[in-house]
Amino acid sequence: MTVYQEIFEVIKARKAAFEAGTAQENSYTAYLFDKGVDKICKKVGEEATETVIAAKNKDNNELANEINDLLYHVMVLAANQGLDWADVENVLEERNEKIGNLKQFHQVDKNT
């Protein structure tokens, strides 16, 4: 089991506890589930922006932290929507098999 799978299992457990009304007090994850998809999506967007800023600042320590914040919030979003992390990893594995197969992009003539 990868660390991401382990974290996702914790997130799913927090979701189940929230839904059962037994969420741990002061659980940030339960707070996100309580606020719903709009709040979770807002956090994903904020963390994505902070990831971009860290990259632009060329601060790899900050970048590593922001990427992890982004991944955590994406995992909360996936759990909220009923998407299992294994499904996300399966897509990544499928794409990994296509490495080296450059897609041909449709080019648009902007002058016409």
Protein backbone atom coordinates (compact mmCIF):
# COMPACT_ATOMS: atom_id res chain seq x y z
CA MET A 1 0.00 0.00 0.00
CA THR A 2 1.37 3.41 -0.95
CA VAL A 3 1.38 6.36 1.41
CA TYR A 4 -1.31 7.94 -0.77
CA GLN A 5 -3.51 4.87 -0.41
CA GLU A 6 -2.96 4.94 3.37
CA ILE A 7 -3.93 8.61 3.57
CA PHE A 8 -6.97 7.98 1.39
CA GLU A 9 -8.07 5.20 3.75
CA VAL A 10 -7.86 7.65 6.67
CA ILE A 11 -9.89 10.20 4.69
CA LYS A 12 -12.55 7.58 3.93
CA ALA A 13 -12.67 6.62 7.61
CA ARG A 14 -13.13 10.28 8.57
CA LYS A 15 -15.92 10.55 6.00
CA ALA A 16 -17.65 7.48 7.42
CA ALA A 17 -17.33 8.88 10.95
CA PHE A 18 -18.74 12.22 9.76
CA GLU A 19 -21.68 10.51 8.09
CA ALA A 20 -22.32 8.43 11.24
CA GLY A 21 -22.23 11.55 13.40
CA THR A 22 -19.16 10.33 15.27
CA ALA A 23 -16.56 12.60 13.69
CA GLN A 24 -13.56 13.46 15.77
CA GLU A 25 -13.82 16.94 17.28
CA ASN A 26 -11.49 19.40 15.56
CA SER A 27 -11.10 17.14 12.50
CA TYR A 28 -10.29 19.33 9.52
CA THR A 29 -11.28 16.53 7.17
CA ALA A 30 -14.71 16.20 8.83
CA TYR A 31 -15.05 19.98 8.63
CA LEU A 32 -14.51 19.82 4.86
CA PHE A 33 -17.10 17.05 4.48
CA ASP A 34 -19.52 19.10 6.54
CA LYS A 35 -19.06 22.17 4.34
CA GLY A 36 -19.51 20.13 1.16
CA VAL A 37 -18.27 20.04 -2.38
CA ASP A 38 -18.17 23.82 -2.89
CA LYS A 39 -15.77 24.33 0.02
CA ILE A 40 -13.68 21.32 -0.98
CA CYS A 41 -13.41 22.57 -4.57
CA LYS A 42 -12.48 26.03 -3.30
CA LYS A 43 -9.64 24.49 -1.28
CA VAL A 44 -8.45 22.47 -4.30
CA GLY A 45 -8.33 25.69 -6.30
CA GLU A 46 -6.50 27.58 -3.56
CA GLU A 47 -3.93 24.83 -3.16
CA ALA A 48 -3.41 24.59 -6.93
CA THR A 49 -2.73 28.32 -7.03
CA GLU A 50 -0.33 28.08 -4.09
CA THR A 51 1.46 25.22 -5.88
CA VAL A 52 1.92 27.40 -8.97
CA ILE A 53 3.22 30.30 -6.85
CA ALA A 54 5.72 28.04 -5.07
CA ALA A 55 6.98 26.78 -8.43
CA LYS A 56 7.28 30.31 -9.78
CA ASN A 57 9.19 31.27 -6.60
CA LYS A 58 11.60 28.39 -7.30
CA ASP A 59 11.24 27.22 -3.69
CA ASN A 60 11.25 23.42 -3.83
CA ASN A 61 10.63 23.02 -0.10
CA GLU A 62 7.52 25.18 -0.36
CA LEU A 63 6.59 23.42 -3.61
CA ALA A 64 6.76 19.96 -2.02
CA ASN A 65 4.52 21.14 0.82
CA GLU A 66 2.00 22.76 -1.52
CA ILE A 67 1.86 19.70 -3.77
CA ASN A 68 1.05 17.59 -0.73
CA ASP A 69 -1.64 20.05 0.38
CA LEU A 70 -3.09 19.91 -3.13
CA LEU A 71 -3.05 16.11 -3.22
CA TYR A 72 -4.71 15.91 0.20
CA HIS A 73 -7.55 18.19 -0.90
CA VAL A 74 -7.92 16.29 -4.19
CA MET A 75 -8.23 13.09 -2.15
CA VAL A 76 -10.91 14.67 0.03
CA LEU A 77 -12.74 15.71 -3.14
CA ALA A 78 -12.47 12.18 -4.56
CA ALA A 79 -13.79 10.65 -1.33
CA ASN A 80 -16.60 13.20 -1.16
CA GLN A 81 -17.64 12.30 -4.70
CA GLY A 82 -17.44 8.55 -4.07
CA LEU A 83 -14.39 8.07 -6.28
CA ASP A 84 -11.91 5.54 -4.95
CA TRP A 85 -8.21 6.40 -5.07
CA ALA A 86 -7.54 3.09 -6.84
CA ASP A 87 -9.63 4.40 -9.74
CA VAL A 88 -7.36 7.45 -9.97
CA GLU A 89 -4.27 5.25 -9.86
CA ASN A 90 -5.72 2.98 -12.55
CA VAL A 91 -6.06 5.93 -14.91
CA LEU A 92 -2.47 6.90 -14.16
CA GLU A 93 -1.31 3.35 -14.91
CA GLU A 94 -3.21 3.37 -18.22
CA ARG A 95 -1.61 6.66 -19.16
CA ASN A 96 1.81 5.37 -18.14
CA GLU A 97 1.46 2.64 -20.76
CA LYS A 98 1.08 5.34 -23.41
CA ILE A 99 4.30 7.17 -22.55
CA GLY A 100 6.16 8.10 -25.70
CA ASN A 101 3.06 8.31 -27.83
CA LEU A 102 2.88 12.03 -28.46
CA LYS A 103 -0.64 13.12 -29.29
CA GLN A 104 -1.11 15.21 -32.38
CA PHE A 105 -2.66 18.50 -31.36
CA HIS A 106 -5.12 20.27 -33.59
CA GLN A 107 -3.57 23.55 -34.59
CA VAL A 108 -5.84 26.49 -35.15
CA ASP A 109 -4.86 29.30 -37.47
CA LYS A 110 -5.68 32.35 -35.34
CA ASN A 111 -5.23 34.66 -38.32
CA THR A 112 -8.36 33.44 -40.09
